C-alpha cells in the first residue's frame, strides 16, 4: 500500500512531458535573389528580386521592388538532397510544377530547378540543371 501511494505521489509531482517543439522549415522567410543561372548563362534580374516562403505552401515572388506574384510550393524535406516543388497556378488551366532540390546553408538558399515536365535534379551543378538560383536571407 505504501509503495502504491509513493508511486502515485511521484507520478503527480513529475513534470509533464511535452511534445518536442516544432521547428519551422529553414526555407521559411524572405530571400533576396543574388545569382540566377539559366541554361549555363548568367541572367540579369532587377534589384529587389526575390522570394518569400510562407507557411502553408504559399510563396510570393518579387520581380524587383514593385512586381509580385503569389505562387505555391511543396516541400519534401526527408529526401536527400531536400526536394521542393515550385508551383505556378497563374499560367493557365493546368498548374506548372517544377521539380527542384534545395539547400539552406546559414543565410544562403540555393535552388536547382529542373525542366518543366522533366525529372528532379540530383545536383546543384549549374551545367546539369535548367536553372540555379541563389538567394540571401533578408534580415528583419
C-alpha atoms as a PDB file:
ATOM      1  CA  UNK A   1       0.000   0.000   0.000  1.00  0.00           C
ATOM      2  CA  UNK A   2       2.829   2.418   0.878  1.00  0.00           C
ATOM      3  CA  UNK A   3       4.541   1.609  -2.441  1.00  0.00           C
ATOM      4  CA  UNK A   4       1.317   2.410  -4.299  1.00  0.00           C
ATOM      5  CA  UNK A   5       0.971   5.773  -2.541  1.00  0.00           C
ATOM      6  CA  UNK A   6       4.644   6.609  -3.130  1.00  0.00           C
ATOM      7  CA  UNK A   7       4.283   5.770  -6.850  1.00  0.00           C
ATOM      8  CA  UNK A   8       1.154   7.896  -7.128  1.00  0.00           C
ATOM      9  CA  UNK A   9       2.857  10.827  -5.382  1.00  0.00           C
ATOM     10  CA  UNK A  10       5.829  10.628  -7.763  1.00  0.00           C
ATOM     11  CA  UNK A  11       3.563  10.477 -10.815  1.00  0.00           C
ATOM     12  CA  UNK A  12       1.548  13.505  -9.703  1.00  0.00           C
ATOM     13  CA  UNK A  13       4.663  15.527  -8.859  1.00  0.00           C
ATOM     14  CA  UNK A  14       6.571  14.630 -12.050  1.00  0.00           C
ATOM     15  CA  UNK A  15       6.829  17.321 -14.728  1.00  0.00           C
ATOM     16  CA  UNK A  16       4.623  16.890 -17.763  1.00  0.00           C
ATOM     17  CA  UNK A  17       6.279  15.508 -20.838  1.00  0.00           C
ATOM     18  CA  UNK A  18       5.687  17.899 -23.673  1.00  0.00           C
ATOM     19  CA  UNK A  19       5.848  17.359 -27.400  1.00  0.00           C
ATOM     20  CA  UNK A  20       9.146  18.366 -28.893  1.00  0.00           C
ATOM     21  CA  UNK A  21       8.941  21.976 -30.069  1.00  0.00           C
ATOM     22  CA  UNK A  22       8.017  22.223 -33.710  1.00  0.00           C
ATOM     23  CA  UNK A  23      10.647  23.822 -35.839  1.00  0.00           C
ATOM     24  CA  UNK A  24       9.762  25.687 -38.987  1.00  0.00           C
ATOM     25  CA  UNK A  25      11.434  24.543 -42.195  1.00  0.00           C
ATOM     26  CA  UNK A  26      14.617  26.585 -42.705  1.00  0.00           C
ATOM     27  CA  UNK A  27      13.323  27.786 -46.088  1.00  0.00           C
ATOM     28  CA  UNK A  28      10.598  29.945 -44.485  1.00  0.00           C
ATOM     29  CA  UNK A  29      11.191  33.659 -44.671  1.00  0.00           C
ATOM     30  CA  UNK A  30      12.190  36.320 -47.153  1.00  0.00           C
ATOM     31  CA  UNK A  31      15.079  35.752 -49.573  1.00  0.00           C
ATOM     32  CA  UNK A  32      16.800  38.225 -51.923  1.00  0.00           C
ATOM     33  CA  UNK A  33      17.948  36.851 -55.282  1.00  0.00           C
ATOM     34  CA  UNK A  34      21.724  37.226 -55.654  1.00  0.00           C
ATOM     35  CA  UNK A  35      22.502  34.928 -58.602  1.00  0.00           C
ATOM     36  CA  UNK A  36      20.464  33.343 -61.386  1.00  0.00           C
ATOM     37  CA  UNK A  37      21.964  30.929 -63.883  1.00  0.00           C
ATOM     38  CA  UNK A  38      19.742  29.537 -66.652  1.00  0.00           C
ATOM     39  CA  UNK A  39      20.991  27.006 -69.203  1.00  0.00           C
ATOM     40  CA  UNK A  40      24.548  27.814 -68.139  1.00  0.00           C
ATOM     41  CA  UNK A  41      24.150  31.578 -68.689  1.00  0.00           C
ATOM     42  CA  UNK A  42      24.172  34.315 -66.047  1.00  0.00           C
ATOM     43  CA  UNK A  43      20.772  36.006 -66.113  1.00  0.00           C
ATOM     44  CA  UNK A  44      20.073  39.647 -65.339  1.00  0.00           C
ATOM     45  CA  UNK A  45      17.403  40.431 -62.764  1.00  0.00           C
ATOM     46  CA  UNK A  46      16.013  43.580 -61.217  1.00  0.00           C
ATOM     47  CA  UNK A  47      17.319  44.867 -57.920  1.00  0.00           C
ATOM     48  CA  UNK A  48      14.882  43.808 -55.195  1.00  0.00           C
ATOM     49  CA  UNK A  49      14.018  40.483 -56.842  1.00  0.00           C
ATOM     50  CA  UNK A  50      13.484  37.544 -54.548  1.00  0.00           C
ATOM     51  CA  UNK A  51      11.034  35.194 -52.930  1.00  0.00           C
ATOM     52  CA  UNK A  52       9.254  34.916 -49.603  1.00  0.00           C
ATOM     53  CA  UNK A  53       8.319  31.419 -48.477  1.00  0.00           C
ATOM     54  CA  UNK A  54       5.301  31.479 -46.175  1.00  0.00           C
ATOM     55  CA  UNK A  55       3.780  28.691 -44.071  1.00  0.00           C
ATOM     56  CA  UNK A  56       1.096  26.588 -45.720  1.00  0.00           C
ATOM     57  CA  UNK A  57       2.788  26.236 -49.091  1.00  0.00           C
ATOM     58  CA  UNK A  58       2.440  29.851 -50.246  1.00  0.00           C
ATOM     59  CA  UNK A  59       5.264  31.906 -51.672  1.00  0.00           C
ATOM     60  CA  UNK A  60       5.479  35.427 -53.037  1.00  0.00           C
ATOM     61  CA  UNK A  61       7.827  36.039 -55.967  1.00  0.00           C
ATOM     62  CA  UNK A  62       9.160  39.585 -56.263  1.00  0.00           C
ATOM     63  CA  UNK A  63      10.349  40.823 -59.629  1.00  0.00           C
ATOM     64  CA  UNK A  64      12.081  43.931 -58.398  1.00  0.00           C
ATOM     65  CA  UNK A  65      10.649  46.368 -55.893  1.00  0.00           C
ATOM     66  CA  UNK A  66       7.184  46.689 -57.432  1.00  0.00           C
ATOM     67  CA  UNK A  67       6.137  43.428 -59.111  1.00  0.00           C
ATOM     68  CA  UNK A  68       4.819  40.478 -57.082  1.00  0.00           C
ATOM     69  CA  UNK A  69       3.125  37.174 -57.901  1.00  0.00           C
ATOM     70  CA  UNK A  70       1.627  34.757 -55.406  1.00  0.00           C
ATOM     71  CA  UNK A  71       2.726  31.191 -56.114  1.00  0.00           C
ATOM     72  CA  UNK A  72       2.890  27.906 -54.255  1.00  0.00           C
ATOM     73  CA  UNK A  73       5.433  25.307 -53.148  1.00  0.00           C
ATOM     74  CA  UNK A  74       5.533  21.855 -51.613  1.00  0.00           C
ATOM     75  CA  UNK A  75       8.476  20.627 -49.534  1.00  0.00           C
ATOM     76  CA  UNK A  76       9.857  17.098 -49.471  1.00  0.00           C
ATOM     77  CA  UNK A  77      12.487  17.639 -46.737  1.00  0.00           C
ATOM     78  CA  UNK A  78      13.188  13.983 -45.939  1.00  0.00           C
ATOM     79  CA  UNK A  79      14.777  13.418 -49.333  1.00  0.00           C
ATOM     80  CA  UNK A  80      18.482  13.801 -49.991  1.00  0.00           C
ATOM     81  CA  UNK A  81      19.040  16.421 -51.210  1.00  0.00           C
ATOM     82  CA  UNK A  82      15.903  18.099 -49.843  1.00  0.00           C
ATOM     83  CA  UNK A  83      13.283  18.434 -52.579  1.00  0.00           C
ATOM     84  CA  UNK A  84      10.787  21.181 -53.316  1.00  0.00           C
ATOM     85  CA  UNK A  85       8.100  21.541 -55.979  1.00  0.00           C
ATOM     86  CA  UNK A  86       7.699  25.114 -57.214  1.00  0.00           C
ATOM     87  CA  UNK A  87       4.122  25.515 -58.425  1.00  0.00           C
ATOM     88  CA  UNK A  88       2.553  28.201 -60.605  1.00  0.00           C
ATOM     89  CA  UNK A  89      -1.215  28.317 -60.965  1.00  0.00           C
ATOM     90  CA  UNK A  90      -1.335  31.736 -62.656  1.00  0.00           C
ATOM     91  CA  UNK A  91      -0.303  30.497 -66.106  1.00  0.00           C
ATOM     92  CA  UNK A  92      -3.350  28.681 -67.443  1.00  0.00           C
ATOM     93  CA  UNK A  93      -5.862  25.967 -66.636  1.00  0.00           C
ATOM     94  CA  UNK A  94      -3.178  23.478 -65.519  1.00  0.00           C
ATOM     95  CA  UNK A  95      -0.596  24.359 -62.864  1.00  0.00           C
ATOM     96  CA  UNK A  96       3.059  24.291 -63.833  1.00  0.00           C
ATOM     97  CA  UNK A  97       5.104  22.181 -61.417  1.00  0.00           C
ATOM     98  CA  UNK A  98       8.883  22.493 -61.437  1.00  0.00           C
ATOM     99  CA  UNK A  99      10.656  19.675 -59.622  1.00  0.00           C
ATOM    100  CA  UNK A 100      13.626  21.071 -57.691  1.00  0.00           C
ATOM    101  CA  UNK A 101      16.132  20.415 -54.938  1.00  0.00           C
ATOM    102  CA  UNK A 102      17.255  22.970 -52.401  1.00  0.00           C
ATOM    103  CA  UNK A 103      19.768  23.545 -49.658  1.00  0.00           C
ATOM    104  CA  UNK A 104      19.954  26.137 -46.917  1.00  0.00           C
ATOM    105  CA  UNK A 105      23.410  26.972 -45.607  1.00  0.00           C
ATOM    106  CA  UNK A 106      23.283  29.641 -42.904  1.00  0.00           C
ATOM    107  CA  UNK A 107      21.792  32.693 -44.715  1.00  0.00           C
ATOM    108  CA  UNK A 108      22.101  31.240 -48.227  1.00  0.00           C
ATOM    109  CA  UNK A 109      19.394  29.335 -50.125  1.00  0.00           C
ATOM    110  CA  UNK A 110      20.238  27.515 -53.359  1.00  0.00           C
ATOM    111  CA  UNK A 111      17.506  26.023 -55.545  1.00  0.00           C
ATOM    112  CA  UNK A 112      18.315  23.782 -58.512  1.00  0.00           C
ATOM    113  CA  UNK A 113      15.318  23.787 -60.851  1.00  0.00           C
ATOM    114  CA  UNK A 114      14.532  21.020 -63.289  1.00  0.00           C
ATOM    115  CA  UNK A 115      12.889  21.393 -66.668  1.00  0.00           C
ATOM    116  CA  UNK A 116       9.093  21.701 -66.689  1.00  0.00           C
ATOM    117  CA  UNK A 117       7.739  18.170 -67.001  1.00  0.00           C
ATOM    118  CA  UNK A 118      11.225  16.738 -66.526  1.00  0.00           C
ATOM    119  CA  UNK A 119      12.937  14.911 -63.713  1.00  0.00           C
ATOM    120  CA  UNK A 120      14.021  16.353 -60.402  1.00  0.00           C
ATOM    121  CA  UNK A 121      17.690  17.464 -60.387  1.00  0.00           C
ATOM    122  CA  UNK A 122      20.111  15.426 -58.316  1.00  0.00           C
ATOM    123  CA  UNK A 123      22.855  18.057 -58.123  1.00  0.00           C
ATOM    124  CA  UNK A 124      23.497  21.767 -57.674  1.00  0.00           C
ATOM    125  CA  UNK A 125      25.813  21.902 -60.692  1.00  0.00           C
ATOM    126  CA  UNK A 126      24.670  24.832 -62.858  1.00  0.00           C
ATOM    127  CA  UNK A 127      25.707  22.963 -66.023  1.00  0.00           C
ATOM    128  CA  UNK A 128      23.472  19.989 -65.136  1.00  0.00           C
ATOM    129  CA  UNK A 129      20.218  21.801 -64.252  1.00  0.00           C
ATOM    130  CA  UNK A 130      17.800  24.078 -66.082  1.00  0.00           C
ATOM    131  CA  UNK A 131      18.156  26.895 -63.552  1.00  0.00           C
ATOM    132  CA  UNK A 132      20.219  27.513 -60.464  1.00  0.00           C
ATOM    133  CA  UNK A 133      19.032  30.327 -58.222  1.00  0.00           C
ATOM    134  CA  UNK A 134      20.930  31.571 -55.185  1.00  0.00           C
ATOM    135  CA  UNK A 135      19.281  33.728 -52.551  1.00  0.00           C
ATOM    136  CA  UNK A 136      20.439  35.540 -49.404  1.00  0.00           C
ATOM    137  CA  UNK A 137      18.139  35.683 -46.369  1.00  0.00           C
ATOM    138  CA  UNK A 138      16.654  39.133 -45.725  1.00  0.00           C
ATOM    139  CA  UNK A 139      17.165  40.068 -42.078  1.00  0.00           C
ATOM    140  CA  UNK A 140      14.274  41.842 -40.435  1.00  0.00           C
END
